[in-house]
Structures are given as structure tokens and as C-alpha cells.
């Protein structure tokens, strides 16, 4: 078992040497993968919506109450920054 996996499992209070806990250990791995994928989806969503905001016409920006300057500032943020 890798150090990372041992650390994650030990924080949850699961005895890694007990074979009865193998199902719980697998579920922790699945949950970790799910959270990583959710995070990647969130980053991609930010990237796409900021690009869409950048490309809106001035009259559409006015409709949603955002100035061209505000849209430009938001679209220039890196996708990893909320």
C-alpha cells in the first residue's frame, strides 16, 4: 500500500491490516477519484464561462448588469482562481 493511501486510510480510522475493511478502503479510493473529477469539471466550467463572458456583446453585458471592463477583468482571471 502506498504512503498516500496509508495516510488517507489511517486518517479515517480504518485498520488497513484487517481484511474486513478492504471494501471501505476501496470506497475511499473511489470517493477520492470522484472528488478529483468534480474539481477538474469545476475548473473547466470556469474556463469556459469566462471565455463566454469575454465574447458577449456590450448590449448583452448591459442586460446582465456587467460593464465591459468588469467582463474583461473576470475573463483575465486564471481558471484555477475562483
N, C-alpha and C. Protein backbone atom coordinates (compact mmCIF):
# COMPACT_ATOMS: atom_id res chain seq x y z
N UNK A 1 0.85 -1.17 0.00
CA UNK A 1 0.00 0.00 0.00
C UNK A 1 0.90 1.24 0.00
N UNK A 2 0.54 2.22 -0.81
CA UNK A 2 1.36 3.41 -0.91
C UNK A 2 1.22 4.26 0.34
N UNK A 3 2.18 5.16 0.52
CA UNK A 3 2.15 6.05 1.69
C UNK A 3 0.92 6.95 1.68
N UNK A 4 0.59 7.48 0.48
CA UNK A 4 -0.58 8.34 0.37
C UNK A 4 -1.83 7.59 0.80
N UNK A 5 -1.98 6.39 0.29
CA UNK A 5 -3.16 5.59 0.62
C UNK A 5 -3.18 5.26 2.11
N UNK A 6 -2.04 4.92 2.67
CA UNK A 6 -1.98 4.63 4.11
C UNK A 6 -2.38 5.85 4.92
N UNK A 7 -1.90 7.01 4.50
CA UNK A 7 -2.24 8.24 5.21
C UNK A 7 -3.72 8.54 5.16
N UNK A 8 -4.32 8.39 3.97
CA UNK A 8 -5.76 8.63 3.83
C UNK A 8 -6.57 7.66 4.67
N UNK A 9 -6.18 6.40 4.63
CA UNK A 9 -6.92 5.38 5.35
C UNK A 9 -6.75 5.54 6.85
N UNK A 10 -5.54 5.85 7.30
CA UNK A 10 -5.32 5.98 8.73
C UNK A 10 -6.06 7.19 9.30
N UNK A 11 -6.23 8.25 8.52
CA UNK A 11 -6.99 9.42 8.99
C UNK A 11 -8.45 9.09 9.19
N UNK A 12 -8.93 8.09 8.48
CA UNK A 12 -10.35 7.71 8.60
C UNK A 12 -10.56 6.69 9.71
N UNK A 13 -9.51 6.25 10.36
CA UNK A 13 -9.62 5.32 11.47
C UNK A 13 -9.90 3.89 11.04
N UNK A 14 -9.45 3.52 9.85
CA UNK A 14 -9.67 2.17 9.34
C UNK A 14 -8.38 1.37 9.52
N UNK A 15 -8.51 0.18 10.08
CA UNK A 15 -7.37 -0.72 10.25
C UNK A 15 -7.05 -1.34 8.89
N UNK A 16 -5.91 -0.94 8.30
CA UNK A 16 -5.58 -1.41 6.96
C UNK A 16 -5.15 -2.87 6.94
N UNK A 17 -4.83 -3.42 8.07
CA UNK A 17 -4.40 -4.81 8.12
C UNK A 17 -5.56 -5.78 8.26
N UNK A 18 -6.74 -5.27 8.53
CA UNK A 18 -7.93 -6.10 8.69
C UNK A 18 -8.59 -6.29 7.32
N UNK A 19 -8.64 -7.53 6.85
CA UNK A 19 -9.20 -7.82 5.53
C UNK A 19 -10.68 -7.43 5.42
N UNK A 20 -11.38 -7.38 6.53
CA UNK A 20 -12.79 -7.00 6.51
C UNK A 20 -12.97 -5.54 6.09
N UNK A 21 -11.92 -4.75 6.17
CA UNK A 21 -12.00 -3.33 5.84
C UNK A 21 -11.62 -3.02 4.40
N UNK A 22 -11.31 -4.02 3.61
CA UNK A 22 -10.87 -3.77 2.22
C UNK A 22 -11.95 -3.06 1.41
N UNK A 23 -13.22 -3.38 1.65
CA UNK A 23 -14.31 -2.70 0.94
C UNK A 23 -14.35 -1.22 1.26
N UNK A 24 -14.14 -0.89 2.53
CA UNK A 24 -14.13 0.52 2.93
C UNK A 24 -12.95 1.26 2.29
N UNK A 25 -11.82 0.58 2.22
CA UNK A 25 -10.63 1.19 1.61
C UNK A 25 -10.89 1.48 0.13
N UNK A 26 -11.53 0.54 -0.57
CA UNK A 26 -11.86 0.75 -1.98
C UNK A 26 -12.81 1.92 -2.14
N UNK A 27 -13.79 2.02 -1.24
CA UNK A 27 -14.75 3.11 -1.31
C UNK A 27 -14.07 4.47 -1.10
N UNK A 28 -13.06 4.50 -0.24
CA UNK A 28 -12.31 5.74 -0.04
C UNK A 28 -11.58 6.13 -1.32
N UNK A 29 -11.01 5.15 -2.00
CA UNK A 29 -10.33 5.42 -3.27
C UNK A 29 -11.30 5.94 -4.32
N UNK A 30 -12.47 5.33 -4.39
CA UNK A 30 -13.49 5.77 -5.34
C UNK A 30 -13.94 7.18 -5.03
N UNK A 31 -14.15 7.47 -3.76
CA UNK A 31 -14.56 8.81 -3.35
C UNK A 31 -13.49 9.85 -3.70
N UNK A 32 -12.24 9.50 -3.49
CA UNK A 32 -11.14 10.42 -3.83
C UNK A 32 -11.13 10.71 -5.32
N UNK A 33 -11.27 9.68 -6.13
CA UNK A 33 -11.30 9.87 -7.59
C UNK A 33 -12.49 10.73 -7.99
N UNK A 34 -13.66 10.49 -7.39
CA UNK A 34 -14.84 11.28 -7.70
C UNK A 34 -14.62 12.76 -7.38
N UNK A 35 -14.00 13.03 -6.25
CA UNK A 35 -13.75 14.43 -5.86
C UNK A 35 -12.75 15.10 -6.80
N UNK A 36 -11.75 14.36 -7.23
CA UNK A 36 -10.78 14.92 -8.18
C UNK A 36 -11.46 15.24 -9.50
N UNK A 37 -12.31 14.34 -9.99
CA UNK A 37 -13.02 14.59 -11.24
C UNK A 37 -13.98 15.77 -11.11
N UNK A 38 -14.65 15.89 -9.99
CA UNK A 38 -15.53 17.04 -9.75
C UNK A 38 -14.74 18.35 -9.78
N UNK A 39 -13.57 18.33 -9.20
CA UNK A 39 -12.72 19.53 -9.17
C UNK A 39 -12.28 19.90 -10.58
N UNK A 40 -11.90 18.91 -11.38
CA UNK A 40 -11.49 19.18 -12.76
C UNK A 40 -12.66 19.75 -13.56
N UNK A 41 -13.86 19.21 -13.35
CA UNK A 41 -15.04 19.74 -14.04
C UNK A 41 -15.28 21.19 -13.65
N UNK A 42 -15.10 21.51 -12.39
CA UNK A 42 -15.28 22.89 -11.92
C UNK A 42 -14.28 23.83 -12.61
N UNK A 43 -13.03 23.39 -12.73
CA UNK A 43 -12.03 24.23 -13.39
C UNK A 43 -12.38 24.45 -14.86
N UNK A 44 -12.81 23.39 -15.54
CA UNK A 44 -13.19 23.52 -16.95
C UNK A 44 -14.40 24.44 -17.12
N UNK A 45 -15.36 24.35 -16.21
CA UNK A 45 -16.55 25.20 -16.25
C UNK A 45 -16.15 26.67 -16.11
N UNK A 46 -15.23 26.95 -15.18
CA UNK A 46 -14.75 28.34 -15.00
C UNK A 46 -14.09 28.84 -16.27
N UNK A 47 -13.24 27.99 -16.85
CA UNK A 47 -12.53 28.39 -18.07
C UNK A 47 -13.53 28.73 -19.18
N UNK A 48 -14.51 27.85 -19.40
CA UNK A 48 -15.49 28.06 -20.48
C UNK A 48 -16.35 29.30 -20.23
N UNK A 49 -16.86 29.46 -19.02
CA UNK A 49 -17.76 30.58 -18.76
C UNK A 49 -17.03 31.92 -18.82
N UNK A 50 -15.78 31.95 -18.43
CA UNK A 50 -15.02 33.20 -18.54
C UNK A 50 -14.76 33.55 -19.99
N UNK A 51 -14.52 32.56 -20.84
CA UNK A 51 -14.33 32.83 -22.26
C UNK A 51 -15.65 33.29 -22.89
N UNK A 52 -16.76 32.70 -22.47
CA UNK A 52 -18.06 33.12 -22.99
C UNK A 52 -18.39 34.54 -22.55
N UNK A 53 -18.09 34.87 -21.32
CA UNK A 53 -18.31 36.23 -20.82
C UNK A 53 -17.49 37.23 -21.62
N UNK A 54 -16.25 36.89 -21.90
CA UNK A 54 -15.37 37.77 -22.67
C UNK A 54 -15.94 38.07 -24.06
N UNK A 55 -16.64 37.09 -24.64
CA UNK A 55 -17.12 37.22 -26.01
C UNK A 55 -18.52 37.83 -26.14
N UNK A 56 -19.17 38.15 -25.02
CA UNK A 56 -20.51 38.73 -25.08
C UNK A 56 -20.46 40.15 -25.64
N UNK A 57 -21.52 40.49 -26.37
CA UNK A 57 -21.66 41.86 -26.89
C UNK A 57 -21.98 42.81 -25.74
N UNK A 58 -21.72 44.09 -25.97
CA UNK A 58 -21.97 45.09 -24.94
C UNK A 58 -23.43 45.13 -24.50
N UNK A 59 -24.37 44.97 -25.43
CA UNK A 59 -25.78 45.03 -25.03
C UNK A 59 -26.16 43.82 -24.16
N UNK A 60 -25.55 42.68 -24.38
CA UNK A 60 -25.81 41.51 -23.52
C UNK A 60 -25.19 41.70 -22.14
N UNK A 61 -24.02 42.29 -22.10
CA UNK A 61 -23.40 42.59 -20.80
C UNK A 61 -24.26 43.57 -20.01
N UNK A 62 -24.80 44.56 -20.72
CA UNK A 62 -25.68 45.53 -20.06
C UNK A 62 -26.92 44.83 -19.50
N UNK A 63 -27.45 43.86 -20.23
CA UNK A 63 -28.63 43.11 -19.77
C UNK A 63 -28.37 42.38 -18.45
N UNK A 64 -27.15 41.89 -18.28
CA UNK A 64 -26.85 41.16 -17.04
C UNK A 64 -26.19 42.06 -15.98
N UNK A 65 -26.05 43.34 -16.31
CA UNK A 65 -25.56 44.30 -15.32
C UNK A 65 -24.05 44.29 -15.12
N UNK A 66 -23.31 43.97 -16.18
CA UNK A 66 -21.85 43.93 -16.09
C UNK A 66 -21.27 44.84 -17.16
N UNK A 67 -20.29 45.63 -16.77
CA UNK A 67 -19.64 46.50 -17.75
C UNK A 67 -18.60 45.71 -18.54
N UNK A 68 -18.19 46.27 -19.66
CA UNK A 68 -17.15 45.64 -20.49
C UNK A 68 -15.87 45.47 -19.66
N UNK A 69 -15.57 46.48 -18.86
CA UNK A 69 -14.36 46.43 -18.02
C UNK A 69 -14.43 45.29 -17.01
N UNK A 70 -15.59 45.13 -16.35
CA UNK A 70 -15.76 44.04 -15.38
C UNK A 70 -15.65 42.68 -16.07
N UNK A 71 -16.24 42.57 -17.25
CA UNK A 71 -16.16 41.31 -18.00
C UNK A 71 -14.72 40.99 -18.38
N UNK A 72 -13.99 42.02 -18.77
CA UNK A 72 -12.58 41.83 -19.15
C UNK A 72 -11.76 41.38 -17.95
N UNK A 73 -11.98 42.02 -16.79
CA UNK A 73 -11.24 41.64 -15.58
C UNK A 73 -11.53 40.18 -15.20
N UNK A 74 -12.80 39.80 -15.26
CA UNK A 74 -13.18 38.43 -14.90
C UNK A 74 -12.60 37.42 -15.88
N UNK A 75 -12.62 37.75 -17.16
CA UNK A 75 -12.13 36.79 -18.16
C UNK A 75 -10.61 36.63 -18.13
N UNK A 76 -9.93 37.61 -17.55
CA UNK A 76 -8.48 37.51 -17.46
C UNK A 76 -7.99 36.70 -16.26
N UNK A 77 -8.91 36.36 -15.36
CA UNK A 77 -8.52 35.55 -14.20
C UNK A 77 -8.13 34.15 -14.67
N UNK A 78 -7.13 33.56 -14.07
CA UNK A 78 -6.80 32.16 -14.40
C UNK A 78 -7.92 31.23 -13.94
N UNK A 79 -8.09 30.12 -14.63
CA UNK A 79 -9.21 29.22 -14.33
C UNK A 79 -9.13 28.63 -12.94
N UNK A 80 -7.95 28.59 -12.35
CA UNK A 80 -7.83 27.99 -11.02
C UNK A 80 -8.22 28.96 -9.90
N UNK A 81 -8.41 30.23 -10.24
CA UNK A 81 -8.79 31.23 -9.23
C UNK A 81 -10.30 31.43 -9.27
N UNK A 82 -10.93 31.32 -8.10
CA UNK A 82 -12.40 31.48 -8.05
C UNK A 82 -12.78 32.93 -8.20
